């Protein structure tokens, strides 16, 4: 019987994290597979992921030719997932800022009927641990701006920890090109809401990475500003 869920993890220079993360994901969701989408990491992340895949039929790896950002990486992963009979597709980071132990809670909400479940940092019961003040400010500003222009149905527009039902992921792909930076997360959620589908947020504790280097780039805030305006007026 094929796995019910697929967890997609994009990677770039995550050699320190990929092996323990893969083990934690597969342990947390015994009925799930894992897809690693590597953007030609120079530190050997892709090669290590291949070795893990050779040792487990629950792990697959996609190798992309260059680093292009989250949106293109996830689009390729989503397309791969939809070509297979997975009922739920989950996205999460590789650096343990998203706790694999929370995966069963996201899947449980999906089974209760949510089309998209968001692991949220901005609802009661949620916390962010280890961020410097400027990260809090940037995230709060981006989410506040998105709520102002796109609506208050969602508190954490920029979350990268999500569980899509298959039927909710299809409009994300069909809606066209996805942005490169974190605004891709806003695009995807907005496309789901525009279809009238049900979005549920569950609280998580988000912890800043302790190994490896953050991939956050602050010039992506400009892309986010422009893309949210475009979504508001063009849909």
C-alpha atoms as a PDB file:
ATOM      1  CA  UNK A   1       0.000   0.000   0.000  1.00  0.00           C
ATOM      2  CA  UNK A   2       1.437   3.429  -0.916  1.00  0.00           C
ATOM      3  CA  UNK A   3       2.158   5.917   1.854  1.00  0.00           C
ATOM      4  CA  UNK A   4      -0.714   8.255   2.717  1.00  0.00           C
ATOM      5  CA  UNK A   5       1.466  11.348   3.158  1.00  0.00           C
ATOM      6  CA  UNK A   6       4.583  12.877   1.659  1.00  0.00           C
ATOM      7  CA  UNK A   7       6.848  15.271   3.561  1.00  0.00           C
ATOM      8  CA  UNK A   8       8.815  17.606   1.272  1.00  0.00           C
ATOM      9  CA  UNK A   9      11.993  19.219   2.592  1.00  0.00           C
ATOM     10  CA  UNK A  10      13.974  21.641   0.401  1.00  0.00           C
ATOM     11  CA  UNK A  11      17.685  21.768   1.163  1.00  0.00           C
ATOM     12  CA  UNK A  12      20.671  23.964   0.504  1.00  0.00           C
ATOM     13  CA  UNK A  13      23.799  23.308   2.560  1.00  0.00           C
ATOM     14  CA  UNK A  14      21.979  21.252   5.211  1.00  0.00           C
ATOM     15  CA  UNK A  15      24.485  18.417   5.563  1.00  0.00           C
ATOM     16  CA  UNK A  16      24.530  18.793   9.348  1.00  0.00           C
ATOM     17  CA  UNK A  17      20.756  18.461   9.600  1.00  0.00           C
ATOM     18  CA  UNK A  18      19.478  16.200   6.831  1.00  0.00           C
ATOM     19  CA  UNK A  19      20.268  12.814   8.397  1.00  0.00           C
ATOM     20  CA  UNK A  20      18.771  13.468  11.862  1.00  0.00           C
ATOM     21  CA  UNK A  21      15.836  15.305  10.272  1.00  0.00           C
ATOM     22  CA  UNK A  22      15.048  12.429   7.920  1.00  0.00           C
ATOM     23  CA  UNK A  23      15.118   9.967  10.812  1.00  0.00           C
ATOM     24  CA  UNK A  24      12.881  12.191  12.949  1.00  0.00           C
ATOM     25  CA  UNK A  25      10.318  12.708  10.167  1.00  0.00           C
ATOM     26  CA  UNK A  26       9.989   9.022   9.351  1.00  0.00           C
ATOM     27  CA  UNK A  27       9.741   8.181  13.047  1.00  0.00           C
ATOM     28  CA  UNK A  28       7.017  10.802  13.627  1.00  0.00           C
ATOM     29  CA  UNK A  29       4.895   9.651  10.661  1.00  0.00           C
ATOM     30  CA  UNK A  30       5.256   5.892  10.111  1.00  0.00           C
ATOM     31  CA  UNK A  31       2.835   6.036   7.151  1.00  0.00           C
ATOM     32  CA  UNK A  32       4.675   8.839   5.311  1.00  0.00           C
ATOM     33  CA  UNK A  33       7.414   9.111   2.725  1.00  0.00           C
ATOM     34  CA  UNK A  34      10.049  11.848   2.522  1.00  0.00           C
ATOM     35  CA  UNK A  35      11.133  13.818  -0.540  1.00  0.00           C
ATOM     36  CA  UNK A  36      14.334  15.875  -0.338  1.00  0.00           C
ATOM     37  CA  UNK A  37      14.635  18.621  -2.970  1.00  0.00           C
ATOM     38  CA  UNK A  38      18.250  19.731  -3.070  1.00  0.00           C
ATOM     39  CA  UNK A  39      19.385  22.894  -4.872  1.00  0.00           C
ATOM     40  CA  UNK A  40      22.889  21.692  -5.810  1.00  0.00           C
ATOM     41  CA  UNK A  41      24.263  22.135  -2.280  1.00  0.00           C
ATOM     42  CA  UNK A  42      28.055  22.529  -2.439  1.00  0.00           C
ATOM     43  CA  UNK A  43      28.445  20.978   1.032  1.00  0.00           C
ATOM     44  CA  UNK A  44      27.344  17.518  -0.122  1.00  0.00           C
ATOM     45  CA  UNK A  45      23.776  17.562   1.224  1.00  0.00           C
ATOM     46  CA  UNK A  46      22.455  16.036  -1.989  1.00  0.00           C
ATOM     47  CA  UNK A  47      24.958  13.188  -1.964  1.00  0.00           C
ATOM     48  CA  UNK A  48      24.172  12.417   1.677  1.00  0.00           C
ATOM     49  CA  UNK A  49      20.444  12.442   0.872  1.00  0.00           C
ATOM     50  CA  UNK A  50      21.107   9.964  -1.949  1.00  0.00           C
ATOM     51  CA  UNK A  51      22.875   7.674   0.508  1.00  0.00           C
ATOM     52  CA  UNK A  52      19.903   7.863   2.869  1.00  0.00           C
ATOM     53  CA  UNK A  53      17.545   7.081  -0.028  1.00  0.00           C
ATOM     54  CA  UNK A  54      19.560   4.004  -0.960  1.00  0.00           C
ATOM     55  CA  UNK A  55      19.004   2.735   2.565  1.00  0.00           C
ATOM     56  CA  UNK A  56      15.244   3.406   2.715  1.00  0.00           C
ATOM     57  CA  UNK A  57      12.444   2.956   0.209  1.00  0.00           C
ATOM     58  CA  UNK A  58      10.593   5.756   2.043  1.00  0.00           C
ATOM     59  CA  UNK A  59      13.079   8.450   0.947  1.00  0.00           C
ATOM     60  CA  UNK A  60      13.418  10.002  -2.521  1.00  0.00           C
ATOM     61  CA  UNK A  61      15.657  12.831  -3.720  1.00  0.00           C
ATOM     62  CA  UNK A  62      15.278  15.442  -6.451  1.00  0.00           C
ATOM     63  CA  UNK A  63      18.432  17.238  -7.577  1.00  0.00           C
ATOM     64  CA  UNK A  64      18.030  20.714  -9.015  1.00  0.00           C
ATOM     65  CA  UNK A  65      20.829  22.275 -11.098  1.00  0.00           C
ATOM     66  CA  UNK A  66      21.180  25.496  -9.106  1.00  0.00           C
ATOM     67  CA  UNK A  67      19.893  27.468  -6.132  1.00  0.00           C
ATOM     68  CA  UNK A  68      16.737  29.293  -7.234  1.00  0.00           C
ATOM     69  CA  UNK A  69      14.771  29.734  -4.032  1.00  0.00           C
ATOM     70  CA  UNK A  70      11.941  28.115  -2.120  1.00  0.00           C
ATOM     71  CA  UNK A  71       9.162  28.642  -4.645  1.00  0.00           C
ATOM     72  CA  UNK A  72      10.761  26.815  -7.581  1.00  0.00           C
ATOM     73  CA  UNK A  73      12.040  24.038  -5.310  1.00  0.00           C
ATOM     74  CA  UNK A  74       8.616  23.425  -3.803  1.00  0.00           C
ATOM     75  CA  UNK A  75       6.898  23.649  -7.189  1.00  0.00           C
ATOM     76  CA  UNK A  76       9.105  20.821  -8.433  1.00  0.00           C
ATOM     77  CA  UNK A  77       8.429  18.835  -5.276  1.00  0.00           C
ATOM     78  CA  UNK A  78       4.679  19.448  -5.466  1.00  0.00           C
ATOM     79  CA  UNK A  79       4.591  18.360  -9.109  1.00  0.00           C
ATOM     80  CA  UNK A  80       6.451  15.171  -8.182  1.00  0.00           C
ATOM     81  CA  UNK A  81       3.993  14.520  -5.345  1.00  0.00           C
ATOM     82  CA  UNK A  82       0.869  15.057  -7.447  1.00  0.00           C
ATOM     83  CA  UNK A  83       2.127  12.532  -9.998  1.00  0.00           C
ATOM     84  CA  UNK A  84       1.809   9.933  -7.229  1.00  0.00           C
ATOM     85  CA  UNK A  85      -1.159   8.823  -5.085  1.00  0.00           C
ATOM     86  CA  UNK A  86      -0.387  10.797  -1.905  1.00  0.00           C
ATOM     87  CA  UNK A  87      -3.439  12.150  -0.078  1.00  0.00           C
ATOM     88  CA  UNK A  88      -1.503  14.713   1.974  1.00  0.00           C
ATOM     89  CA  UNK A  89       1.588  16.725   1.127  1.00  0.00           C
ATOM     90  CA  UNK A  90       3.529  18.425   3.919  1.00  0.00           C
ATOM     91  CA  UNK A  91       6.190  21.113   3.648  1.00  0.00           C
ATOM     92  CA  UNK A  92       8.725  21.897   6.352  1.00  0.00           C
ATOM     93  CA  UNK A  93      12.260  23.197   6.884  1.00  0.00           C
ATOM     94  CA  UNK A  94      15.313  21.004   7.382  1.00  0.00           C
ATOM     95  CA  UNK A  95      16.862  22.926  10.287  1.00  0.00           C
ATOM     96  CA  UNK A  96      14.569  21.677  13.102  1.00  0.00           C
ATOM     97  CA  UNK A  97      12.890  25.071  13.466  1.00  0.00           C
ATOM     98  CA  UNK A  98       9.810  23.005  12.596  1.00  0.00           C
ATOM     99  CA  UNK A  99       9.634  20.159  15.097  1.00  0.00           C
ATOM    100  CA  UNK A 100       8.939  16.777  13.449  1.00  0.00           C
ATOM    101  CA  UNK A 101       7.064  15.814  16.631  1.00  0.00           C
ATOM    102  CA  UNK A 102       4.348  18.269  15.540  1.00  0.00           C
ATOM    103  CA  UNK A 103       3.692  16.431  12.277  1.00  0.00           C
ATOM    104  CA  UNK A 104       1.001  14.105  13.706  1.00  0.00           C
ATOM    105  CA  UNK A 105      -0.989  17.133  14.921  1.00  0.00           C
ATOM    106  CA  UNK A 106      -1.006  18.680  11.452  1.00  0.00           C
ATOM    107  CA  UNK A 107      -2.051  15.401   9.865  1.00  0.00           C
ATOM    108  CA  UNK A 108      -4.786  14.891  12.482  1.00  0.00           C
ATOM    109  CA  UNK A 109      -6.344  18.272  11.623  1.00  0.00           C
ATOM    110  CA  UNK A 110      -6.218  17.363   7.949  1.00  0.00           C
ATOM    111  CA  UNK A 111      -8.013  14.102   8.665  1.00  0.00           C
ATOM    112  CA  UNK A 112     -10.678  16.078  10.518  1.00  0.00           C
ATOM    113  CA  UNK A 113     -11.459  17.934   7.302  1.00  0.00           C
ATOM    114  CA  UNK A 114      -9.065  20.869   6.969  1.00  0.00           C
ATOM    115  CA  UNK A 115      -7.881  21.413   3.408  1.00  0.00           C
ATOM    116  CA  UNK A 116      -4.753  23.250   4.540  1.00  0.00           C
ATOM    117  CA  UNK A 117      -3.252  23.047   8.021  1.00  0.00           C
ATOM    118  CA  UNK A 118      -0.707  25.705   8.977  1.00  0.00           C
ATOM    119  CA  UNK A 119       1.787  25.287  11.795  1.00  0.00           C
ATOM    120  CA  UNK A 120       1.334  28.790  13.164  1.00  0.00           C
ATOM    121  CA  UNK A 121       3.657  30.996  15.195  1.00  0.00           C
ATOM    122  CA  UNK A 122       1.010  33.667  15.797  1.00  0.00           C
ATOM    123  CA  UNK A 123      -1.973  32.099  17.533  1.00  0.00           C
ATOM    124  CA  UNK A 124      -2.498  31.376  21.251  1.00  0.00           C
ATOM    125  CA  UNK A 125      -0.212  28.612  22.448  1.00  0.00           C
ATOM    126  CA  UNK A 126       2.496  29.348  19.871  1.00  0.00           C
ATOM    127  CA  UNK A 127       5.986  30.713  20.554  1.00  0.00           C
ATOM    128  CA  UNK A 128       9.140  31.725  18.728  1.00  0.00           C
ATOM    129  CA  UNK A 129      12.386  30.823  20.505  1.00  0.00           C
ATOM    130  CA  UNK A 130      15.829  32.193  19.741  1.00  0.00           C
ATOM    131  CA  UNK A 131      15.100  34.945  17.242  1.00  0.00           C
ATOM    132  CA  UNK A 132      16.928  38.277  17.482  1.00  0.00           C
ATOM    133  CA  UNK A 133      14.702  41.390  17.588  1.00  0.00           C
ATOM    134  CA  UNK A 134      15.114  42.201  13.892  1.00  0.00           C
ATOM    135  CA  UNK A 135      13.767  38.765  12.888  1.00  0.00           C
ATOM    136  CA  UNK A 136      10.691  39.282  15.054  1.00  0.00           C
ATOM    137  CA  UNK A 137      10.194  42.707  13.486  1.00  0.00           C
ATOM    138  CA  UNK A 138      10.557  41.475   9.907  1.00  0.00           C
ATOM    139  CA  UNK A 139       8.179  38.548  10.399  1.00  0.00           C
ATOM    140  CA  UNK A 140       5.583  40.607  12.267  1.00  0.00           C
ATOM    141  CA  UNK A 141       5.697  43.301   9.588  1.00  0.00           C
ATOM    142  CA  UNK A 142       5.322  40.801   6.735  1.00  0.00           C
ATOM    143  CA  UNK A 143       2.404  39.026   8.384  1.00  0.00           C
ATOM    144  CA  UNK A 144       0.701  42.263   9.407  1.00  0.00           C
ATOM    145  CA  UNK A 145       1.034  43.614   5.878  1.00  0.00           C
ATOM    146  CA  UNK A 146      -0.400  40.396   4.399  1.00  0.00           C
ATOM    147  CA  UNK A 147      -3.345  40.447   6.824  1.00  0.00           C
ATOM    148  CA  UNK A 148      -4.030  44.082   5.980  1.00  0.00           C
ATOM    149  CA  UNK A 149      -4.163  43.489   2.231  1.00  0.00           C
ATOM    150  CA  UNK A 150      -5.304  39.865   1.949  1.00  0.00           C
ATOM    151  CA  UNK A 151      -7.544  39.394   4.972  1.00  0.00           C
ATOM    152  CA  UNK A 152      -7.452  38.232   8.553  1.00  0.00           C
ATOM    153  CA  UNK A 153      -8.550  34.647   7.976  1.00  0.00           C
ATOM    154  CA  UNK A 154      -4.925  33.609   8.565  1.00  0.00           C
ATOM    155  CA  UNK A 155      -2.589  34.786  11.321  1.00  0.00           C
ATOM    156  CA  UNK A 156       0.668  33.275  10.040  1.00  0.00           C
ATOM    157  CA  UNK A 157       0.788  33.983   6.319  1.00  0.00           C
ATOM    158  CA  UNK A 158       4.523  33.279   6.025  1.00  0.00           C
ATOM    159  CA  UNK A 159       4.657  29.926   7.828  1.00  0.00           C
ATOM    160  CA  UNK A 160       6.641  27.256   6.015  1.00  0.00           C
ATOM    161  CA  UNK A 161       5.152  24.363   8.009  1.00  0.00           C
ATOM    162  CA  UNK A 162       1.997  23.207   6.220  1.00  0.00           C
ATOM    163  CA  UNK A 163      -0.065  20.135   5.455  1.00  0.00           C
ATOM    164  CA  UNK A 164      -2.094  20.242   2.226  1.00  0.00           C
ATOM    165  CA  UNK A 165      -4.790  17.843   1.237  1.00  0.00           C
ATOM    166  CA  UNK A 166      -4.154  16.791  -2.340  1.00  0.00           C
ATOM    167  CA  UNK A 167      -7.212  18.706  -3.570  1.00  0.00           C
ATOM    168  CA  UNK A 168      -5.909  21.897  -1.927  1.00  0.00           C
ATOM    169  CA  UNK A 169      -2.430  21.623  -3.406  1.00  0.00           C
ATOM    170  CA  UNK A 170      -3.671  21.389  -6.986  1.00  0.00           C
ATOM    171  CA  UNK A 171      -4.801  25.065  -7.142  1.00  0.00           C
ATOM    172  CA  UNK A 172      -1.422  26.146  -5.770  1.00  0.00           C
ATOM    173  CA  UNK A 173       0.267  24.548  -8.777  1.00  0.00           C
ATOM    174  CA  UNK A 174      -2.406  25.542 -11.285  1.00  0.00           C
ATOM    175  CA  UNK A 175      -2.211  29.194 -10.222  1.00  0.00           C
ATOM    176  CA  UNK A 176       1.032  29.765 -12.136  1.00  0.00           C
ATOM    177  CA  UNK A 177       4.602  30.638 -11.213  1.00  0.00           C
ATOM    178  CA  UNK A 178       5.586  30.753  -7.549  1.00  0.00           C
ATOM    179  CA  UNK A 179       7.826  33.488  -6.151  1.00  0.00           C
ATOM    180  CA  UNK A 180      11.381  32.640  -5.136  1.00  0.00           C
ATOM    181  CA  UNK A 181      11.439  33.874  -1.520  1.00  0.00           C
ATOM    182  CA  UNK A 182       9.233  33.410   1.520  1.00  0.00           C
ATOM    183  CA  UNK A 183       6.379  35.304  -0.187  1.00  0.00           C
ATOM    184  CA  UNK A 184       5.798  32.007  -1.983  1.00  0.00           C
ATOM    185  CA  UNK A 185       4.179  30.893   1.284  1.00  0.00           C
ATOM    186  CA  UNK A 186       1.714  33.783   1.094  1.00  0.00           C
ATOM    187  CA  UNK A 187       0.906  32.951  -2.528  1.00  0.00           C
ATOM    188  CA  UNK A 188       0.125  29.336  -1.764  1.00  0.00           C
ATOM    189  CA  UNK A 189      -2.152  30.063   1.180  1.00  0.00           C
ATOM    190  CA  UNK A 190      -3.968  32.795  -0.739  1.00  0.00           C
ATOM    191  CA  UNK A 191      -4.666  30.473  -3.660  1.00  0.00           C
ATOM    192  CA  UNK A 192      -6.189  27.923  -1.282  1.00  0.00           C
ATOM    193  CA  UNK A 193      -8.390  30.560   0.373  1.00  0.00           C
ATOM    194  CA  UNK A 194      -9.513  31.925  -3.003  1.00  0.00           C
ATOM    195  CA  UNK A 195     -10.962  28.494  -3.783  1.00  0.00           C
ATOM    196  CA  UNK A 196     -13.106  28.695  -0.660  1.00  0.00           C
ATOM    197  CA  UNK A 197     -11.248  25.844   0.998  1.00  0.00           C
ATOM    198  CA  UNK A 198     -10.893  25.382   4.738  1.00  0.00           C
ATOM    199  CA  UNK A 199      -7.672  26.596   6.366  1.00  0.00           C
ATOM    200  CA  UNK A 200      -6.864  25.732  10.003  1.00  0.00           C
ATOM    201  CA  UNK A 201      -3.913  26.936  12.095  1.00  0.00           C
ATOM    202  CA  UNK A 202      -2.382  24.892  14.905  1.00  0.00           C
ATOM    203  CA  UNK A 203       0.099  26.420  17.379  1.00  0.00           C
ATOM    204  CA  UNK A 204       3.744  25.435  17.182  1.00  0.00           C
ATOM    205  CA  UNK A 205       6.938  26.348  18.999  1.00  0.00           C
ATOM    206  CA  UNK A 206       9.306  27.661  16.353  1.00  0.00           C
ATOM    207  CA  UNK A 207      12.972  27.429  17.333  1.00  0.00           C
ATOM    208  CA  UNK A 208      15.826  29.183  15.574  1.00  0.00           C
ATOM    209  CA  UNK A 209      18.288  26.747  14.050  1.00  0.00           C
ATOM    210  CA  UNK A 210      21.278  25.633  16.120  1.00  0.00           C
ATOM    211  CA  UNK A 211      23.247  24.031  13.250  1.00  0.00           C
ATOM    212  CA  UNK A 212      24.008  25.364   9.796  1.00  0.00           C
ATOM    213  CA  UNK A 213      23.393  28.833   8.389  1.00  0.00           C
ATOM    214  CA  UNK A 214      20.068  30.640   8.008  1.00  0.00           C
ATOM    215  CA  UNK A 215      18.931  31.126   4.397  1.00  0.00           C
ATOM    216  CA  UNK A 216      16.796  34.196   5.169  1.00  0.00           C
ATOM    217  CA  UNK A 217      17.643  37.066   2.823  1.00  0.00           C
ATOM    218  CA  UNK A 218      16.264  40.453   3.740  1.00  0.00           C
ATOM    219  CA  UNK A 219      16.054  41.694   0.159  1.00  0.00           C
ATOM    220  CA  UNK A 220      13.210  39.193  -0.218  1.00  0.00           C
ATOM    221  CA  UNK A 221      11.102  41.712   1.732  1.00  0.00           C
ATOM    222  CA  UNK A 222      10.939  43.845  -1.428  1.00  0.00           C
ATOM    223  CA  UNK A 223       9.661  40.877  -3.420  1.00  0.00           C
ATOM    224  CA  UNK A 224       7.091  40.221  -0.691  1.00  0.00           C
ATOM    225  CA  UNK A 225       5.849  43.812  -0.691  1.00  0.00           C
ATOM    226  CA  UNK A 226       5.299  43.818  -4.459  1.00  0.00           C
ATOM    227  CA  UNK A 227       3.830  40.315  -4.670  1.00  0.00           C
ATOM    228  CA  UNK A 228       1.257  40.923  -1.929  1.00  0.00           C
ATOM    229  CA  UNK A 229       0.066  44.043  -3.765  1.00  0.00           C
ATOM    230  CA  UNK A 230      -0.196  41.992  -6.954  1.00  0.00           C
ATOM    231  CA  UNK A 231      -2.180  39.270  -5.179  1.00  0.00           C
ATOM    232  CA  UNK A 232      -4.557  41.835  -3.702  1.00  0.00           C
ATOM    233  CA  UNK A 233      -5.375  43.490  -7.001  1.00  0.00           C
ATOM    234  CA  UNK A 234      -4.933  40.678  -9.529  1.00  0.00           C
ATOM    235  CA  UNK A 235      -5.699  37.608  -7.469  1.00  0.00           C
END
